[in-house]
C-alpha atoms as a PDB file:
ATOM      1  CA  MET A   1      92.815 146.799  87.339  1.00  0.00           C
ATOM      2  CA  THR A   2      91.374 144.512  89.999  1.00  0.00           C
ATOM      3  CA  ARG A   3      91.741 140.775  89.440  1.00  0.00           C
ATOM      4  CA  SER A   4      89.522 138.183  91.102  1.00  0.00           C
ATOM      5  CA  LEU A   5      90.673 135.129  93.027  1.00  0.00           C
ATOM      6  CA  LEU A   6      88.444 132.312  94.200  1.00  0.00           C
ATOM      7  CA  VAL A   7      89.861 130.317  97.113  1.00  0.00           C
ATOM      8  CA  VAL A   8      88.178 126.950  97.625  1.00  0.00           C
ATOM      9  CA  GLY A   9      88.453 124.984 100.853  1.00  0.00           C
ATOM     10  CA  PHE A  10      86.669 121.850 102.005  1.00  0.00           C
ATOM     11  CA  GLY A  11      84.621 120.998 105.065  1.00  0.00           C
ATOM     12  CA  ALA A  12      84.955 118.040 107.410  1.00  0.00           C
ATOM     13  CA  PHE A  13      84.982 114.437 106.207  1.00  0.00           C
ATOM     14  CA  PRO A  14      85.328 111.002 107.812  1.00  0.00           C
ATOM     15  CA  GLY A  15      88.627 110.895 109.673  1.00  0.00           C
ATOM     16  CA  GLN A  16      89.062 114.692 109.581  1.00  0.00           C
ATOM     17  CA  ARG A  17      86.587 116.392 111.944  1.00  0.00           C
ATOM     18  CA  VAL A  18      88.261 119.753 111.427  1.00  0.00           C
ATOM     19  CA  ASN A  19      89.625 120.279 107.949  1.00  0.00           C
ATOM     20  CA  PRO A  20      92.800 122.411 107.852  1.00  0.00           C
ATOM     21  CA  ALA A  21      91.865 123.411 104.296  1.00  0.00           C
ATOM     22  CA  GLN A  22      88.692 125.051 105.589  1.00  0.00           C
ATOM     23  CA  GLN A  23      90.661 126.761 108.347  1.00  0.00           C
ATOM     24  CA  ALA A  24      93.258 128.014 105.860  1.00  0.00           C
ATOM     25  CA  ALA A  25      90.620 129.308 103.425  1.00  0.00           C
ATOM     26  CA  SER A  26      88.834 131.090 106.277  1.00  0.00           C
ATOM     27  CA  ALA A  27      92.125 132.606 107.468  1.00  0.00           C
ATOM     28  CA  LEU A  28      92.819 133.907 103.958  1.00  0.00           C
ATOM     29  CA  ALA A  29      89.298 135.395 103.886  1.00  0.00           C
ATOM     30  CA  ARG A  30      90.178 137.395 106.997  1.00  0.00           C
ATOM     31  CA  ARG A  31      93.092 138.882 105.005  1.00  0.00           C
ATOM     32  CA  ARG A  32      90.772 140.195 102.283  1.00  0.00           C
ATOM     33  CA  ALA A  33      91.973 143.781 102.884  1.00  0.00           C
ATOM     34  CA  ALA A  34      95.616 142.783 102.289  1.00  0.00           C
ATOM     35  CA  PHE A  35      94.593 141.159  99.006  1.00  0.00           C
ATOM     36  CA  ALA A  36      92.628 144.275  98.018  1.00  0.00           C
ATOM     37  CA  LEU A  37      95.766 146.393  98.512  1.00  0.00           C
ATOM     38  CA  SER A  38      97.433 144.149  95.907  1.00  0.00           C
ATOM     39  CA  GLY A  39      94.534 144.665  93.485  1.00  0.00           C
ATOM     40  CA  ILE A  40      92.932 141.280  94.173  1.00  0.00           C
ATOM     41  CA  ASP A  41      89.245 140.751  94.895  1.00  0.00           C
ATOM     42  CA  LEU A  42      89.309 137.648  97.112  1.00  0.00           C
ATOM     43  CA  ARG A  43      86.310 135.338  97.366  1.00  0.00           C
ATOM     44  CA  VAL A  44      86.212 132.167  99.461  1.00  0.00           C
ATOM     45  CA  GLU A  45      83.995 129.125  99.040  1.00  0.00           C
ATOM     46  CA  ILE A  46      83.915 126.161 101.420  1.00  0.00           C
ATOM     47  CA  LEU A  47      82.647 123.047  99.672  1.00  0.00           C
ATOM     48  CA  PRO A  48      81.203 119.980 101.356  1.00  0.00           C
ATOM     49  CA  VAL A  49      83.249 116.816 100.890  1.00  0.00           C
ATOM     50  CA  GLU A  50      80.414 115.167  98.963  1.00  0.00           C
ATOM     51  CA  HIS A  51      80.700 113.817  95.426  1.00  0.00           C
ATOM     52  CA  LEU A  52      77.070 114.506  94.592  1.00  0.00           C
ATOM     53  CA  GLU A  53      77.377 118.176  95.588  1.00  0.00           C
ATOM     54  CA  LEU A  54      80.899 118.936  94.389  1.00  0.00           C
ATOM     55  CA  SER A  55      80.310 119.681  90.708  1.00  0.00           C
ATOM     56  CA  ARG A  56      77.120 121.684  91.300  1.00  0.00           C
ATOM     57  CA  ARG A  57      78.616 123.807  94.086  1.00  0.00           C
ATOM     58  CA  LEU A  58      81.894 124.405  92.251  1.00  0.00           C
ATOM     59  CA  CYS A  59      80.065 125.445  89.061  1.00  0.00           C
ATOM     60  CA  LYS A  60      77.867 127.776  91.122  1.00  0.00           C
ATOM     61  CA  ALA A  61      80.932 129.371  92.743  1.00  0.00           C
ATOM     62  CA  PHE A  62      82.502 129.914  89.307  1.00  0.00           C
ATOM     63  CA  ALA A  63      79.301 131.458  87.951  1.00  0.00           C
ATOM     64  CA  GLU A  64      78.948 133.801  90.931  1.00  0.00           C
ATOM     65  CA  THR A  65      82.576 134.957  91.084  1.00  0.00           C
ATOM     66  CA  ALA A  66      83.870 134.707  87.477  1.00  0.00           C
ATOM     67  CA  PRO A  67      87.405 134.300  88.882  1.00  0.00           C
ATOM     68  CA  ASP A  68      90.590 135.195  87.055  1.00  0.00           C
ATOM     69  CA  ALA A  69      92.359 132.503  89.099  1.00  0.00           C
ATOM     70  CA  VAL A  70      91.401 129.700  91.473  1.00  0.00           C
ATOM     71  CA  LEU A  71      93.329 128.393  94.478  1.00  0.00           C
ATOM     72  CA  LEU A  72      91.989 125.094  95.798  1.00  0.00           C
ATOM     73  CA  LEU A  73      93.123 123.927  99.234  1.00  0.00           C
ATOM     74  CA  GLY A  74      92.953 120.384 100.564  1.00  0.00           C
ATOM     75  CA  VAL A  75      94.568 118.238 103.213  1.00  0.00           C
ATOM     76  CA  ALA A  76      96.776 115.214 102.503  1.00  0.00           C
ATOM     77  CA  ALA A  77      97.209 112.932 105.499  1.00  0.00           C
ATOM     78  CA  ARG A  78     100.382 111.249 104.239  1.00  0.00           C
ATOM     79  CA  ARG A  79     102.236 114.367 103.106  1.00  0.00           C
ATOM     80  CA  THR A  80     104.887 116.098 105.176  1.00  0.00           C
ATOM     81  CA  LYS A  81     105.299 119.074 102.837  1.00  0.00           C
ATOM     82  CA  LEU A  82     102.966 121.642 101.377  1.00  0.00           C
ATOM     83  CA  SER A  83     102.357 120.314  97.856  1.00  0.00           C
ATOM     84  CA  ILE A  84     101.621 122.402  94.774  1.00  0.00           C
ATOM     85  CA  GLU A  85      99.782 119.993  92.476  1.00  0.00           C
ATOM     86  CA  THR A  86     100.721 120.199  88.800  1.00  0.00           C
ATOM     87  CA  ARG A  87      97.998 118.040  87.257  1.00  0.00           C
ATOM     88  CA  ALA A  88      94.622 116.408  87.755  1.00  0.00           C
ATOM     89  CA  ARG A  89      93.416 113.217  86.130  1.00  0.00           C
ATOM     90  CA  ASN A  90      89.987 112.466  84.713  1.00  0.00           C
ATOM     91  CA  ARG A  91      89.260 109.641  87.129  1.00  0.00           C
ATOM     92  CA  ILE A  92      87.374 109.009  90.346  1.00  0.00           C
ATOM     93  CA  THR A  93      88.903 106.065  92.206  1.00  0.00           C
ATOM     94  CA  GLN A  94      87.802 106.807  95.735  1.00  0.00           C
ATOM     95  CA  LEU A  95      87.666 103.854  98.099  1.00  0.00           C
ATOM     96  CA  ARG A  96      86.573 105.764 101.212  1.00  0.00           C
ATOM     97  CA  PRO A  97      83.177 107.296 101.920  1.00  0.00           C
ATOM     98  CA  ASP A  98      82.689 111.044 101.621  1.00  0.00           C
ATOM     99  CA  ALA A  99      80.972 113.211 104.254  1.00  0.00           C
ATOM    100  CA  ALA A 100      77.574 111.963 103.021  1.00  0.00           C
ATOM    101  CA  LYS A 101      78.803 108.379 103.512  1.00  0.00           C
ATOM    102  CA  GLN A 102      78.760 107.776  99.750  1.00  0.00           C
ATOM    103  CA  ILE A 103      81.424 105.876  97.812  1.00  0.00           C
ATOM    104  CA  PRO A 104      81.185 106.628  94.075  1.00  0.00           C
ATOM    105  CA  TRP A 105      81.859 104.091  91.364  1.00  0.00           C
ATOM    106  CA  SER A 106      85.283 104.295  89.748  1.00  0.00           C
ATOM    107  CA  ARG A 107      84.721 106.260  86.561  1.00  0.00           C
ATOM    108  CA  ASP A 108      85.804 109.225  84.484  1.00  0.00           C
ATOM    109  CA  ILE A 109      84.963 112.595  86.004  1.00  0.00           C
ATOM    110  CA  VAL A 110      83.889 113.927  82.597  1.00  0.00           C
ATOM    111  CA  HIS A 111      83.211 111.281  79.958  1.00  0.00           C
ATOM    112  CA  GLY A 112      85.165 111.955  76.772  1.00  0.00           C
ATOM    113  CA  ALA A 113      87.299 114.727  78.285  1.00  0.00           C
ATOM    114  CA  PRO A 114      91.126 114.616  78.308  1.00  0.00           C
ATOM    115  CA  GLU A 115      92.787 112.089  80.616  1.00  0.00           C
ATOM    116  CA  PHE A 116      94.839 114.787  82.369  1.00  0.00           C
ATOM    117  CA  PHE A 117      94.859 118.531  82.742  1.00  0.00           C
ATOM    118  CA  VAL A 118      98.118 120.250  83.658  1.00  0.00           C
ATOM    119  CA  THR A 119      97.948 123.580  85.421  1.00  0.00           C
ATOM    120  CA  PRO A 120      99.235 126.531  83.434  1.00  0.00           C
ATOM    121  CA  ALA A 121     100.179 128.161  86.742  1.00  0.00           C
ATOM    122  CA  PRO A 122     103.913 128.403  87.517  1.00  0.00           C
ATOM    123  CA  ALA A 123     103.948 125.533  90.040  1.00  0.00           C
ATOM    124  CA  ALA A 124     107.706 125.615  90.693  1.00  0.00           C
ATOM    125  CA  LEU A 125     107.546 129.373  91.318  1.00  0.00           C
ATOM    126  CA  LEU A 126     104.585 128.913  93.680  1.00  0.00           C
ATOM    127  CA  ALA A 127     106.506 126.265  95.644  1.00  0.00           C
ATOM    128  CA  ALA A 128     109.517 128.604  95.796  1.00  0.00           C
ATOM    129  CA  LYS A 129     107.293 131.419  97.124  1.00  0.00           C
ATOM    130  CA  ALA A 130     106.024 129.105  99.876  1.00  0.00           C
ATOM    131  CA  ARG A 131     109.588 128.069 100.767  1.00  0.00           C
ATOM    132  CA  ALA A 132     110.625 131.735 100.911  1.00  0.00           C
ATOM    133  CA  CYS A 133     108.031 132.112 103.689  1.00  0.00           C
ATOM    134  CA  GLY A 134     109.684 129.329 105.706  1.00  0.00           C
ATOM    135  CA  VAL A 135     107.354 126.490 104.720  1.00  0.00           C
ATOM    136  CA  VAL A 136     108.697 123.208 103.349  1.00  0.00           C
ATOM    137  CA  ALA A 137     107.052 122.946  99.933  1.00  0.00           C
ATOM    138  CA  GLN A 138     107.275 120.852  96.781  1.00  0.00           C
ATOM    139  CA  THR A 139     105.537 120.329  93.472  1.00  0.00           C
ATOM    140  CA  SER A 140     103.565 117.115  93.040  1.00  0.00           C
ATOM    141  CA  GLY A 141     101.978 115.362  90.078  1.00  0.00           C
ATOM    142  CA  ASP A 142      99.413 113.436  92.117  1.00  0.00           C
ATOM    143  CA  ALA A 143      96.320 115.302  93.329  1.00  0.00           C
ATOM    144  CA  GLY A 144      95.108 112.119  95.015  1.00  0.00           C
ATOM    145  CA  ALA A 145      92.078 109.891  94.648  1.00  0.00           C
ATOM    146  CA  TYR A 146      89.648 111.634  96.977  1.00  0.00           C
ATOM    147  CA  LEU A 147      87.591 114.722  96.109  1.00  0.00           C
ATOM    148  CA  CYS A 148      90.720 116.869  95.775  1.00  0.00           C
ATOM    149  CA  ASN A 149      91.557 115.454  92.354  1.00  0.00           C
ATOM    150  CA  GLU A 150      87.939 115.683  91.205  1.00  0.00           C
ATOM    151  CA  ALA A 151      87.635 119.341  92.256  1.00  0.00           C
ATOM    152  CA  TYR A 152      90.982 120.167  90.657  1.00  0.00           C
ATOM    153  CA  TYR A 153      90.050 118.490  87.385  1.00  0.00           C
ATOM    154  CA  LEU A 154      86.743 120.360  87.239  1.00  0.00           C
ATOM    155  CA  ALA A 155      88.446 123.674  88.055  1.00  0.00           C
ATOM    156  CA  LEU A 156      91.017 123.168  85.309  1.00  0.00           C
ATOM    157  CA  LEU A 157      88.238 122.179  82.918  1.00  0.00           C
ATOM    158  CA  MET A 158      86.301 125.379  83.727  1.00  0.00           C
ATOM    159  CA  ASP A 159      89.171 127.790  84.289  1.00  0.00           C
ATOM    160  CA  ARG A 160      92.678 126.977  83.173  1.00  0.00           C
ATOM    161  CA  ARG A 161      94.321 129.359  85.713  1.00  0.00           C
ATOM    162  CA  ALA A 162      93.848 127.086  88.723  1.00  0.00           C
ATOM    163  CA  VAL A 163      96.157 125.359  91.167  1.00  0.00           C
ATOM    164  CA  PHE A 164      95.538 122.890  93.985  1.00  0.00           C
ATOM    165  CA  VAL A 165      97.604 123.062  97.167  1.00  0.00           C
ATOM    166  CA  HIS A 166      97.670 120.117  99.552  1.00  0.00           C
ATOM    167  CA  LEU A 167      98.376 120.968 103.175  1.00  0.00           C
ATOM    168  CA  PRO A 168     100.187 118.267 105.145  1.00  0.00           C
ATOM    169  CA  ALA A 169      98.284 116.873 108.120  1.00  0.00           C
ATOM    170  CA  TRP A 170     101.224 116.397 110.470  1.00  0.00           C
ATOM    171  CA  ARG A 171     101.566 118.149 113.812  1.00  0.00           C
ATOM    172  CA  GLY A 172     104.697 120.098 112.907  1.00  0.00           C
ATOM    173  CA  PHE A 173     102.801 121.961 110.193  1.00  0.00           C
ATOM    174  CA  THR A 174     100.853 124.873 111.636  1.00  0.00           C
ATOM    175  CA  LEU A 175      98.396 127.197 109.974  1.00  0.00           C
ATOM    176  CA  ALA A 176     100.146 130.151 111.590  1.00  0.00           C
ATOM    177  CA  ARG A 177     103.216 129.314 109.495  1.00  0.00           C
ATOM    178  CA  ALA A 178     101.205 128.301 106.440  1.00  0.00           C
ATOM    179  CA  ILE A 179      99.011 131.390 106.035  1.00  0.00           C
ATOM    180  CA  PRO A 180     101.794 133.809 104.958  1.00  0.00           C
ATOM    181  CA  ALA A 181     103.002 131.164 102.483  1.00  0.00           C
ATOM    182  CA  LEU A 182      99.490 130.597 101.128  1.00  0.00           C
ATOM    183  CA  GLU A 183      98.963 134.347 100.799  1.00  0.00           C
ATOM    184  CA  SER A 184     102.191 134.604  98.805  1.00  0.00           C
ATOM    185  CA  VAL A 185     101.182 131.634  96.630  1.00  0.00           C
ATOM    186  CA  ALA A 186      97.720 133.123  96.045  1.00  0.00           C
ATOM    187  CA  LYS A 187      99.017 136.565  95.083  1.00  0.00           C
ATOM    188  CA  THR A 188     101.629 135.059  92.767  1.00  0.00           C
ATOM    189  CA  LEU A 189      98.999 132.843  91.137  1.00  0.00           C
ATOM    190  CA  VAL A 190      96.897 135.886  90.293  1.00  0.00           C
ATOM    191  CA  LEU A 191      99.601 138.387  89.417  1.00  0.00           C
ATOM    192  CA  ALA A 192     102.379 136.280  87.799  1.00  0.00           C
END
């Protein structure tokens, strides 16, 4: 039986002209045949880093792909390790403008919804799979305050089999090393 995986990356935003998350998602898309051999139908969506577009575009991607699992990829400037996020909170607290130069008001993402969602995915196992590929990885309980947390919360609200992975933005972390780890994480997310 073929299972479907939606990989979500993000485009450029102020301070990040080239988003490693977009590059990683695109690199995984080029490995579609390897995923197919594992019984996984891989779909990739690159979202703009814009609050006003995020919910609409993410909902559209879910409707078009009906994924069994979702892997969201983002970049975290202050991280030095690949981070498997374990939860998302129902709060927008962004202080920086998005790619459309908008700064949203601090508010709940979904009024009346739970304060937190915790991923049902085996986060510790996913981090171990990344480490087995030679990448320094950890679990984290803080998906951030930028669009990453918002996208993660919405994904968990729509599809409980989702996980967000933050890529570190330091020079010692290369996509060439990260892609095998992300492929292992993605396959484990779908098949575990």
